[in-house]
Amino acid sequence: MREIIFDTETTGLDPRSGDRLVEIGCVEMVNRVTTGATFHCYFNPDRDMPAAAEAVHGLSATFLSDKPRFHEKAAEFLEFIGDSMLVAHNAGFDFGFVNMELEMCGLDPLSKERMIDTVALARVRHPGAKNSLDALCTRYGIDRSHRTLHGALLDAELLAQVYVELTGGRQIGLELAADANVVSLAEPVARPQRERPFRAPRAHAPSEAELAAHAALLDSLKEPLWRS
């Protein structure tokens, strides 16, 4: 099963108020293992960069001024994601910006049926706990010491590790059969047969003594159900 873990950086919070996508990072996973294939691109938003946004991701208008516009990379992006499921943290936010950019190019938006939101998964797995990407990395012991600012590809790589933990850890589907000296966890382990002494089957009919004891017990009860 192929899945794409992705993250975006933007000029703000609302794509309908003029905010634009400025970075996208995608990581390919097959059967919940990263393959090393990625898609990463910065985009010129053709607008200023608010100071609050730049403080989060460090991308200035000057840095982005010579980068391609989204429409120049849209086909490459769509080819990379194909028809795979798309995993993001607070996925509605990322889908909102990507779909706005696609619509501005005259392209069909991504279907929400393809969306997997790791925030929603984390709330089910850890109700009442902090479920930011930083908090989840800490909870699962994922090294994020190199994350001084938000970055779309870096955050997608971290999220890929978090996603594996949220969906059961590496043990699910783990197979070690490739190593001839290791038993696959998917295969039952054969156990040696032991000699067992023969035991004659127990007679299941009650003895006269057992029937008498049962009758005496019923006589001691008030309106026992066993006599109805």
Protein backbone atom coordinates (compact mmCIF):
# COMPACT_ATOMS: atom_id res chain seq x y z
CA MET A 1 0.00 0.00 0.00
CA ARG A 2 1.44 3.36 -1.07
CA GLU A 3 0.86 6.47 1.04
CA ILE A 4 2.22 10.00 0.78
CA ILE A 5 3.08 11.86 3.97
CA PHE A 6 3.16 15.59 3.29
CA ASP A 7 3.40 19.00 4.88
CA THR A 8 3.09 22.58 3.70
CA GLU A 9 4.33 26.02 4.71
CA THR A 10 2.29 29.11 3.89
CA THR A 11 2.14 32.88 4.23
CA GLY A 12 -0.67 32.62 6.78
CA LEU A 13 -3.67 30.66 7.96
CA ASP A 14 -6.45 31.33 5.47
CA PRO A 15 -6.14 30.51 1.76
CA ARG A 16 -9.36 32.38 1.01
CA SER A 17 -8.04 35.65 2.38
CA GLY A 18 -5.03 35.84 0.07
CA ASP A 19 -2.57 33.60 1.89
CA ARG A 20 -0.51 31.36 -0.39
CA LEU A 21 1.41 28.12 -0.34
CA VAL A 22 5.19 28.65 -0.25
CA GLU A 23 6.61 25.16 0.38
CA ILE A 24 5.50 21.55 0.10
CA GLY A 25 7.33 18.39 1.13
CA CYS A 26 6.18 14.84 0.39
CA VAL A 27 7.57 11.50 1.57
CA GLU A 28 6.62 8.21 -0.06
CA MET A 29 5.77 5.22 2.13
CA VAL A 30 5.00 1.70 0.90
CA ASN A 31 3.57 -0.73 3.43
CA ARG A 32 4.33 1.82 6.15
CA VAL A 33 8.06 1.99 5.32
CA THR A 34 9.67 5.06 3.75
CA THR A 35 11.18 4.34 0.34
CA GLY A 36 13.50 7.33 0.09
CA ALA A 37 11.42 8.91 -2.69
CA THR A 38 10.45 12.51 -1.96
CA PHE A 39 9.01 15.59 -3.61
CA HIS A 40 10.03 19.00 -2.30
CA CYS A 41 9.58 22.47 -3.72
CA TYR A 42 9.51 26.13 -2.66
CA PHE A 43 7.08 28.49 -4.41
CA ASN A 44 7.07 32.20 -5.14
CA PRO A 45 3.76 33.42 -3.65
CA ASP A 46 3.80 36.73 -5.54
CA ARG A 47 3.11 38.60 -2.33
CA ASP A 48 4.81 39.75 0.85
CA MET A 49 5.70 37.43 3.72
CA PRO A 50 4.11 38.44 7.05
CA ALA A 51 6.61 38.59 9.89
CA ALA A 52 4.61 36.12 11.98
CA ALA A 53 4.74 33.50 9.24
CA GLU A 54 8.44 34.05 8.55
CA ALA A 55 9.15 33.56 12.25
CA VAL A 56 7.63 30.07 11.98
CA HIS A 57 9.36 28.75 8.85
CA GLY A 58 12.13 31.26 8.13
CA LEU A 59 11.16 31.74 4.47
CA SER A 60 11.48 35.36 3.41
CA ALA A 61 9.97 37.04 0.37
CA THR A 62 13.50 37.63 -0.90
CA PHE A 63 14.41 33.95 -0.64
CA LEU A 64 11.22 32.94 -2.47
CA SER A 65 11.42 35.61 -5.17
CA ASP A 66 13.33 33.42 -7.66
CA LYS A 67 11.42 30.20 -6.93
CA PRO A 68 8.86 28.73 -9.36
CA ARG A 69 5.15 29.49 -9.12
CA PHE A 70 2.92 26.63 -8.05
CA HIS A 71 1.43 26.21 -11.52
CA GLU A 72 4.90 25.50 -12.89
CA LYS A 73 5.30 22.48 -10.61
CA ALA A 74 1.67 21.36 -10.30
CA ALA A 75 1.95 18.54 -12.85
CA GLU A 76 5.13 17.20 -11.22
CA PHE A 77 3.47 17.30 -7.81
CA LEU A 78 0.34 15.48 -9.03
CA GLU A 79 2.44 12.86 -10.79
CA PHE A 80 4.36 12.18 -7.59
CA ILE A 81 1.30 11.75 -5.34
CA GLY A 82 -0.62 9.74 -7.95
CA ASP A 83 -3.80 8.27 -6.49
CA SER A 84 -2.25 7.43 -3.11
CA MET A 85 -3.76 8.25 0.26
CA LEU A 86 -2.43 11.53 1.64
CA VAL A 87 -1.36 11.82 5.27
CA ALA A 88 -0.88 15.19 6.97
CA HIS A 89 -0.95 16.68 10.46
CA ASN A 90 -4.09 18.81 10.75
CA ALA A 91 -4.74 17.68 7.20
CA GLY A 92 -7.68 20.00 6.55
CA PHE A 93 -5.28 22.96 6.69
CA ASP A 94 -2.85 21.47 4.15
CA PHE A 95 -5.63 20.25 1.85
CA GLY A 96 -7.19 23.72 1.93
CA PHE A 97 -4.04 25.40 0.64
CA VAL A 98 -3.15 22.73 -1.92
CA ASN A 99 -6.69 22.68 -3.30
CA MET A 100 -6.78 26.46 -3.55
CA GLU A 101 -3.57 26.43 -5.57
CA LEU A 102 -4.88 23.64 -7.81
CA GLU A 103 -8.11 25.52 -8.40
CA MET A 104 -6.14 28.65 -9.34
CA CYS A 105 -4.41 26.50 -11.98
CA GLY A 106 -7.75 25.27 -13.30
CA LEU A 107 -7.10 21.76 -11.93
CA ASP A 108 -9.36 19.47 -9.94
CA PRO A 109 -8.95 19.63 -6.16
CA LEU A 110 -7.74 16.68 -4.12
CA SER A 111 -10.61 14.55 -2.81
CA LYS A 112 -11.07 14.65 0.96
CA GLU A 113 -11.67 10.90 0.76
CA ARG A 114 -7.92 10.55 0.27
CA MET A 115 -7.15 12.47 3.48
CA ILE A 116 -5.71 10.88 6.62
CA ASP A 117 -5.37 13.36 9.49
CA THR A 118 -2.78 12.40 12.09
CA VAL A 119 -4.19 14.95 14.55
CA ALA A 120 -7.48 13.04 14.51
CA LEU A 121 -5.60 9.75 14.95
CA ALA A 122 -3.62 11.19 17.87
CA ARG A 123 -6.75 12.46 19.62
CA VAL A 124 -8.20 8.96 19.55
CA ARG A 125 -4.93 7.35 20.64
CA HIS A 126 -4.06 9.96 23.30
CA PRO A 127 -7.26 11.72 24.39
CA GLY A 128 -6.67 14.90 26.38
CA ALA A 129 -2.93 14.97 25.62
CA LYS A 130 -0.95 17.47 23.56
CA ASN A 131 -0.92 16.27 19.98
CA SER A 132 1.32 18.75 18.18
CA LEU A 133 4.04 17.24 16.00
CA ASP A 134 6.65 18.22 18.60
CA ALA A 135 4.64 16.61 21.42
CA LEU A 136 4.15 13.39 19.47
CA CYS A 137 7.84 13.20 18.60
CA THR A 138 8.66 13.53 22.29
CA ARG A 139 6.08 10.90 23.25
CA TYR A 140 7.46 8.38 20.78
CA GLY A 141 11.13 9.17 21.29
CA ILE A 142 11.65 10.53 17.76
CA ASP A 143 14.71 12.76 17.44
CA ARG A 144 13.75 16.28 16.37
CA SER A 145 16.85 18.07 17.66
CA HIS A 146 17.60 19.29 14.11
CA ARG A 147 14.18 20.97 13.84
CA THR A 148 14.83 24.59 14.77
CA LEU A 149 12.22 25.96 12.34
CA HIS A 150 9.26 24.43 10.55
CA GLY A 151 10.18 22.98 7.17
CA ALA A 152 7.80 21.06 4.93
CA LEU A 153 10.09 18.16 3.98
CA LEU A 154 11.65 17.83 7.43
CA ASP A 155 8.23 17.88 9.08
CA ALA A 156 6.92 15.29 6.59
CA GLU A 157 9.87 13.02 7.44
CA LEU A 158 9.16 13.37 11.16
CA LEU A 159 5.45 12.85 10.59
CA ALA A 160 6.15 9.62 8.70
CA GLN A 161 7.76 8.22 11.86
CA VAL A 162 4.90 9.50 14.01
CA TYR A 163 2.32 8.00 11.65
CA VAL A 164 3.89 4.56 11.97
CA GLU A 165 3.68 4.81 15.77
CA LEU A 166 0.09 6.09 15.70
CA THR A 167 -0.99 3.17 13.56
CA GLY A 168 0.56 0.42 15.64
CA GLY A 169 4.32 0.69 15.40
CA ARG A 170 6.78 -1.22 13.28
CA GLN A 171 5.55 -4.59 14.59
CA ILE A 172 2.50 -4.58 12.30
CA GLY A 173 3.37 -6.56 9.19
CA LEU A 174 6.98 -6.96 10.31
CA GLU A 175 8.60 -9.85 8.51
CA LEU A 176 12.15 -11.01 9.06
CA ALA A 177 12.05 -13.98 6.72
CA ALA A 178 14.57 -12.30 4.43
CA ASP A 179 17.19 -13.36 6.96
CA ALA A 180 17.54 -17.14 6.72
CA ASN A 181 18.65 -17.30 10.35
CA VAL A 182 15.61 -15.43 11.69
CA VAL A 183 12.09 -16.77 11.99
CA SER A 184 9.40 -14.62 10.37
CA LEU A 185 6.95 -13.22 12.91
CA ALA A 186 4.21 -13.89 10.39
CA GLU A 187 4.83 -17.67 10.58
CA PRO A 188 3.76 -19.85 13.51
CA VAL A 189 6.65 -21.47 15.35
CA ALA A 190 6.55 -25.28 15.33
CA ARG A 191 6.77 -26.77 18.82
CA PRO A 192 8.14 -30.23 19.56
CA GLN A 193 5.55 -32.92 20.28
CA ARG A 194 5.57 -34.39 23.77
CA GLU A 195 4.57 -37.91 24.77
CA ARG A 196 1.36 -37.77 26.83
CA PRO A 197 0.12 -40.65 29.04
CA PHE A 198 -3.21 -42.20 28.05
CA ARG A 199 -6.11 -41.25 30.28
CA ALA A 200 -9.40 -43.09 30.05
CA PRO A 201 -12.38 -40.80 29.39
CA ARG A 202 -14.25 -39.69 32.52
CA ALA A 203 -17.75 -41.03 32.97
CA HIS A 204 -20.11 -38.07 32.73
CA ALA A 205 -23.24 -39.67 34.19
CA PRO A 206 -23.69 -38.78 37.91
CA SER A 207 -23.36 -41.51 40.48
CA GLU A 208 -26.16 -42.45 42.90
CA ALA A 209 -24.33 -40.60 45.66
CA GLU A 210 -24.06 -37.44 43.52
CA LEU A 211 -27.76 -37.58 42.66
CA ALA A 212 -28.65 -37.93 46.35
CA ALA A 213 -26.43 -34.97 47.30
CA HIS A 214 -28.03 -32.85 44.59
CA ALA A 215 -31.54 -33.73 45.77
CA ALA A 216 -30.60 -32.83 49.34
CA LEU A 217 -29.29 -29.45 48.14
CA LEU A 218 -32.54 -28.74 46.31
CA ASP A 219 -34.56 -29.64 49.40
CA SER A 220 -32.64 -26.96 51.31
CA LEU A 221 -33.56 -24.22 48.80
CA LYS A 222 -36.82 -22.26 48.58
CA GLU A 223 -38.51 -22.90 45.23
CA PRO A 224 -35.33 -23.91 43.40
CA LEU A 225 -35.37 -23.19 39.68
CA TRP A 226 -33.97 -26.63 38.91
CA ARG A 227 -37.32 -28.21 39.84
CA SER A 228 -39.53 -25.88 37.77
